[in-house]
Amino acid sequence: MKRDKREEIKEEIIAKIRQRISEEVSRIMEVAVAELKNDEMDFGSIEKKIRDEVLRIGGQILEGSIQINGTGYRGSRIPCECGGKKKFVGNRKKKRQR
């Protein structure tokens, strides 16, 4: 049976993300271990760096999910729970939080 091209693409995206995440986690661990040896670093600073990196990895996972599933666009107007119609205005850029 011939495999669906979309399934192949999905599997390729997932494999690439898994590989990147594995590499990133290894790198984060190496940095954390090295910084723990440094007497000037404190646990709070190291924890913040780890959290920031994990959030960045989460962004990569979200990007891959959007590549696989799309943005969720369902048309210019969709039914609303109130009985009316919701109008699609456009995709918005995510604002970076600092």
N, C-alpha and C. Protein backbone atom coordinates (compact mmCIF):
# COMPACT_ATOMS: atom_id res chain seq x y z
N MET A 1 0.84 -1.18 0.00
CA MET A 1 0.00 0.00 0.00
C MET A 1 0.89 1.25 0.00
N LYS A 2 0.58 2.19 -0.85
CA LYS A 2 1.36 3.41 -0.95
C LYS A 2 1.04 4.33 0.23
N ARG A 3 2.10 4.83 0.85
CA ARG A 3 1.91 5.71 2.00
C ARG A 3 1.46 7.09 1.55
N ASP A 4 0.65 7.69 2.34
CA ASP A 4 0.17 9.03 2.08
C ASP A 4 1.33 10.03 2.21
N LYS A 5 1.51 10.89 1.23
CA LYS A 5 2.61 11.86 1.22
C LYS A 5 2.55 12.77 2.45
N ARG A 6 1.34 13.14 2.85
CA ARG A 6 1.18 14.01 4.02
C ARG A 6 1.71 13.32 5.28
N GLU A 7 1.46 12.03 5.42
CA GLU A 7 1.96 11.26 6.57
C GLU A 7 3.48 11.22 6.56
N GLU A 8 4.07 11.07 5.38
CA GLU A 8 5.53 11.05 5.28
C GLU A 8 6.12 12.39 5.71
N ILE A 9 5.51 13.47 5.26
CA ILE A 9 5.98 14.81 5.63
C ILE A 9 5.86 15.01 7.13
N LYS A 10 4.72 14.59 7.68
CA LYS A 10 4.49 14.70 9.13
C LYS A 10 5.59 13.96 9.89
N GLU A 11 5.88 12.73 9.49
CA GLU A 11 6.91 11.93 10.16
C GLU A 11 8.29 12.56 10.04
N GLU A 12 8.59 13.17 8.88
CA GLU A 12 9.88 13.85 8.69
C GLU A 12 10.00 15.04 9.63
N ILE A 13 8.94 15.82 9.73
CA ILE A 13 8.95 16.99 10.62
C ILE A 13 9.15 16.55 12.06
N ILE A 14 8.40 15.54 12.48
CA ILE A 14 8.51 15.04 13.86
C ILE A 14 9.92 14.52 14.13
N ALA A 15 10.49 13.78 13.19
CA ALA A 15 11.84 13.24 13.37
C ALA A 15 12.87 14.36 13.50
N LYS A 16 12.74 15.41 12.68
CA LYS A 16 13.67 16.54 12.76
C LYS A 16 13.55 17.25 14.10
N ILE A 17 12.31 17.45 14.56
CA ILE A 17 12.09 18.12 15.84
C ILE A 17 12.66 17.28 16.98
N ARG A 18 12.41 15.98 16.95
CA ARG A 18 12.96 15.09 17.99
C ARG A 18 14.48 15.18 18.04
N GLN A 19 15.11 15.18 16.88
CA GLN A 19 16.57 15.26 16.81
C GLN A 19 17.05 16.58 17.39
N ARG A 20 16.41 17.69 16.99
CA ARG A 20 16.81 19.01 17.52
C ARG A 20 16.64 19.07 19.02
N ILE A 21 15.51 18.55 19.51
CA ILE A 21 15.24 18.60 20.94
C ILE A 21 16.28 17.77 21.70
N SER A 22 16.60 16.60 21.19
CA SER A 22 17.60 15.76 21.83
C SER A 22 18.94 16.49 21.92
N GLU A 23 19.34 17.13 20.83
CA GLU A 23 20.60 17.88 20.81
C GLU A 23 20.54 19.06 21.78
N GLU A 24 19.41 19.76 21.79
CA GLU A 24 19.26 20.91 22.67
C GLU A 24 19.29 20.51 24.14
N VAL A 25 18.60 19.42 24.50
CA VAL A 25 18.59 18.96 25.89
C VAL A 25 20.00 18.57 26.32
N SER A 26 20.72 17.89 25.46
CA SER A 26 22.11 17.53 25.79
C SER A 26 22.95 18.79 26.02
N ARG A 27 22.78 19.77 25.15
CA ARG A 27 23.53 21.02 25.29
C ARG A 27 23.17 21.74 26.58
N ILE A 28 21.88 21.80 26.89
CA ILE A 28 21.43 22.47 28.11
C ILE A 28 22.02 21.77 29.34
N MET A 29 22.02 20.44 29.33
CA MET A 29 22.59 19.69 30.45
C MET A 29 24.08 19.99 30.61
N GLU A 30 24.81 20.01 29.50
CA GLU A 30 26.24 20.29 29.56
C GLU A 30 26.51 21.68 30.13
N VAL A 31 25.73 22.66 29.69
CA VAL A 31 25.89 24.03 30.18
C VAL A 31 25.55 24.10 31.67
N ALA A 32 24.45 23.47 32.08
CA ALA A 32 24.04 23.50 33.49
C ALA A 32 25.10 22.87 34.38
N VAL A 33 25.61 21.72 33.96
CA VAL A 33 26.65 21.04 34.75
C VAL A 33 27.89 21.91 34.86
N ALA A 34 28.30 22.51 33.74
CA ALA A 34 29.49 23.36 33.74
C ALA A 34 29.28 24.59 34.64
N GLU A 35 28.09 25.17 34.57
CA GLU A 35 27.83 26.37 35.38
C GLU A 35 27.70 26.04 36.86
N LEU A 36 27.25 24.85 37.18
CA LEU A 36 27.18 24.46 38.60
C LEU A 36 28.57 24.35 39.21
N LYS A 37 29.56 24.04 38.37
CA LYS A 37 30.94 23.97 38.86
C LYS A 37 31.50 25.36 39.13
N ASN A 38 30.93 26.37 38.50
CA ASN A 38 31.38 27.75 38.66
C ASN A 38 30.82 28.29 39.98
N ASP A 39 31.70 28.65 40.89
CA ASP A 39 31.28 29.11 42.22
C ASP A 39 30.48 30.42 42.17
N GLU A 40 30.61 31.18 41.09
CA GLU A 40 29.91 32.46 41.00
C GLU A 40 28.46 32.31 40.57
N MET A 41 28.08 31.16 40.02
CA MET A 41 26.70 30.96 39.56
C MET A 41 25.85 30.44 40.72
N ASP A 42 24.60 30.91 40.77
CA ASP A 42 23.69 30.41 41.79
C ASP A 42 22.58 29.60 41.13
N PHE A 43 21.90 28.79 41.93
CA PHE A 43 20.86 27.92 41.40
C PHE A 43 19.75 28.70 40.68
N GLY A 44 19.39 29.86 41.22
CA GLY A 44 18.33 30.67 40.60
C GLY A 44 18.69 31.08 39.18
N SER A 45 19.92 31.51 38.97
CA SER A 45 20.36 31.92 37.63
C SER A 45 20.38 30.75 36.67
N ILE A 46 20.87 29.61 37.14
CA ILE A 46 20.92 28.42 36.29
C ILE A 46 19.50 27.96 35.95
N GLU A 47 18.62 27.99 36.95
CA GLU A 47 17.23 27.59 36.71
C GLU A 47 16.58 28.48 35.67
N LYS A 48 16.82 29.80 35.75
CA LYS A 48 16.24 30.72 34.77
C LYS A 48 16.74 30.41 33.37
N LYS A 49 18.04 30.15 33.23
CA LYS A 49 18.58 29.81 31.92
C LYS A 49 17.94 28.54 31.37
N ILE A 50 17.77 27.53 32.24
CA ILE A 50 17.15 26.28 31.80
C ILE A 50 15.71 26.53 31.37
N ARG A 51 14.96 27.30 32.16
CA ARG A 51 13.56 27.61 31.81
C ARG A 51 13.47 28.33 30.47
N ASP A 52 14.34 29.31 30.26
CA ASP A 52 14.34 30.05 29.00
C ASP A 52 14.59 29.12 27.81
N GLU A 53 15.54 28.21 27.98
CA GLU A 53 15.86 27.26 26.90
C GLU A 53 14.70 26.30 26.65
N VAL A 54 14.06 25.83 27.72
CA VAL A 54 12.93 24.92 27.57
C VAL A 54 11.76 25.64 26.87
N LEU A 55 11.53 26.90 27.17
CA LEU A 55 10.49 27.66 26.47
C LEU A 55 10.81 27.80 24.98
N ARG A 56 12.09 28.00 24.68
CA ARG A 56 12.51 28.09 23.28
C ARG A 56 12.26 26.77 22.56
N ILE A 57 12.54 25.65 23.23
CA ILE A 57 12.28 24.33 22.66
C ILE A 57 10.78 24.15 22.44
N GLY A 58 9.98 24.61 23.41
CA GLY A 58 8.52 24.54 23.26
C GLY A 58 8.06 25.30 22.02
N GLY A 59 8.70 26.42 21.73
CA GLY A 59 8.38 27.17 20.52
C GLY A 59 8.68 26.37 19.26
N GLN A 60 9.76 25.62 19.27
CA GLN A 60 10.11 24.78 18.12
C GLN A 60 9.06 23.67 17.94
N ILE A 61 8.59 23.11 19.05
CA ILE A 61 7.55 22.08 18.98
C ILE A 61 6.27 22.68 18.41
N LEU A 62 5.91 23.88 18.85
CA LEU A 62 4.71 24.55 18.34
C LEU A 62 4.84 24.83 16.84
N GLU A 63 6.00 25.30 16.42
CA GLU A 63 6.22 25.55 14.99
C GLU A 63 6.02 24.28 14.17
N GLY A 64 6.56 23.17 14.65
CA GLY A 64 6.39 21.90 13.96
C GLY A 64 4.94 21.47 13.91
N SER A 65 4.23 21.69 15.00
CA SER A 65 2.81 21.34 15.05
C SER A 65 2.01 22.16 14.04
N ILE A 66 2.35 23.42 13.90
CA ILE A 66 1.67 24.28 12.92
C ILE A 66 2.02 23.84 11.50
N GLN A 67 3.27 23.42 11.29
CA GLN A 67 3.65 22.91 9.97
C GLN A 67 2.81 21.69 9.60
N ILE A 68 2.56 20.84 10.59
CA ILE A 68 1.81 19.61 10.35
C ILE A 68 0.32 19.87 10.23
N ASN A 69 -0.23 20.67 11.14
CA ASN A 69 -1.69 20.83 11.23
C ASN A 69 -2.23 22.12 10.63
N GLY A 70 -1.36 23.06 10.32
CA GLY A 70 -1.82 24.34 9.81
C GLY A 70 -2.15 25.29 10.96
N THR A 71 -2.65 26.46 10.60
CA THR A 71 -2.90 27.51 11.60
C THR A 71 -4.27 27.41 12.24
N GLY A 72 -5.12 26.56 11.71
CA GLY A 72 -6.48 26.45 12.26
C GLY A 72 -7.50 27.24 11.46
N TYR A 73 -7.06 27.86 10.37
CA TYR A 73 -7.98 28.63 9.54
C TYR A 73 -9.10 27.72 9.03
N ARG A 74 -10.36 28.17 9.22
CA ARG A 74 -11.52 27.36 8.80
C ARG A 74 -12.45 28.11 7.86
N GLY A 75 -12.01 29.21 7.34
CA GLY A 75 -12.84 29.97 6.41
C GLY A 75 -13.02 31.41 6.88
N SER A 76 -13.57 32.26 6.00
CA SER A 76 -13.70 33.68 6.34
C SER A 76 -14.79 33.94 7.38
N ARG A 77 -15.76 33.05 7.45
CA ARG A 77 -16.82 33.17 8.48
C ARG A 77 -17.15 31.77 8.99
N ILE A 78 -17.23 31.67 10.31
CA ILE A 78 -17.60 30.39 10.92
C ILE A 78 -18.71 30.62 11.94
N PRO A 79 -19.52 29.60 12.21
CA PRO A 79 -20.60 29.75 13.17
C PRO A 79 -20.08 30.10 14.57
N CYS A 80 -20.82 30.94 15.25
CA CYS A 80 -20.51 31.34 16.62
C CYS A 80 -21.51 30.66 17.55
N GLU A 81 -21.09 30.45 18.82
CA GLU A 81 -22.00 29.83 19.78
C GLU A 81 -23.26 30.66 20.00
N CYS A 82 -23.19 31.97 19.75
CA CYS A 82 -24.33 32.85 19.96
C CYS A 82 -25.37 32.75 18.84
N GLY A 83 -25.04 32.01 17.80
CA GLY A 83 -25.96 31.87 16.67
C GLY A 83 -25.56 32.72 15.47
N GLY A 84 -24.66 33.67 15.68
CA GLY A 84 -24.19 34.52 14.59
C GLY A 84 -23.01 33.90 13.87
N LYS A 85 -22.22 34.75 13.24
CA LYS A 85 -21.04 34.29 12.52
C LYS A 85 -19.82 35.06 13.02
N LYS A 86 -18.71 34.34 13.17
CA LYS A 86 -17.43 34.96 13.50
C LYS A 86 -16.72 35.26 12.19
N LYS A 87 -16.14 36.45 12.10
CA LYS A 87 -15.42 36.85 10.89
C LYS A 87 -13.92 36.72 11.11
N PHE A 88 -13.24 36.05 10.18
CA PHE A 88 -11.80 35.92 10.25
C PHE A 88 -11.18 37.25 9.89
N VAL A 89 -10.35 37.78 10.79
CA VAL A 89 -9.72 39.08 10.57
C VAL A 89 -8.32 38.91 9.99
N GLY A 90 -7.61 37.91 10.47
CA GLY A 90 -6.25 37.65 9.97
C GLY A 90 -5.42 36.97 11.03
N ASN A 91 -4.31 36.40 10.61
CA ASN A 91 -3.37 35.83 11.56
C ASN A 91 -2.57 36.95 12.18
N ARG A 92 -2.29 36.81 13.44
CA ARG A 92 -1.53 37.83 14.15
C ARG A 92 -0.18 37.27 14.56
N LYS A 93 0.82 38.12 14.57
CA LYS A 93 2.14 37.71 15.03
C LYS A 93 2.11 37.60 16.54
N LYS A 94 2.82 36.61 17.05
CA LYS A 94 2.93 36.44 18.50
C LYS A 94 3.89 37.50 19.02
N LYS A 95 3.48 38.14 20.10
CA LYS A 95 4.35 39.13 20.73
C LYS A 95 5.31 38.42 21.65
N ARG A 96 6.57 38.78 21.56
CA ARG A 96 7.58 38.18 22.45
C ARG A 96 7.42 38.72 23.84
N GLN A 97 7.45 37.82 24.80
CA GLN A 97 7.38 38.21 26.21
C GLN A 97 8.78 38.21 26.77
N ARG A 98 9.07 39.17 27.54
CA ARG A 98 10.41 39.27 28.16
C ARG A 98 10.30 39.16 29.64
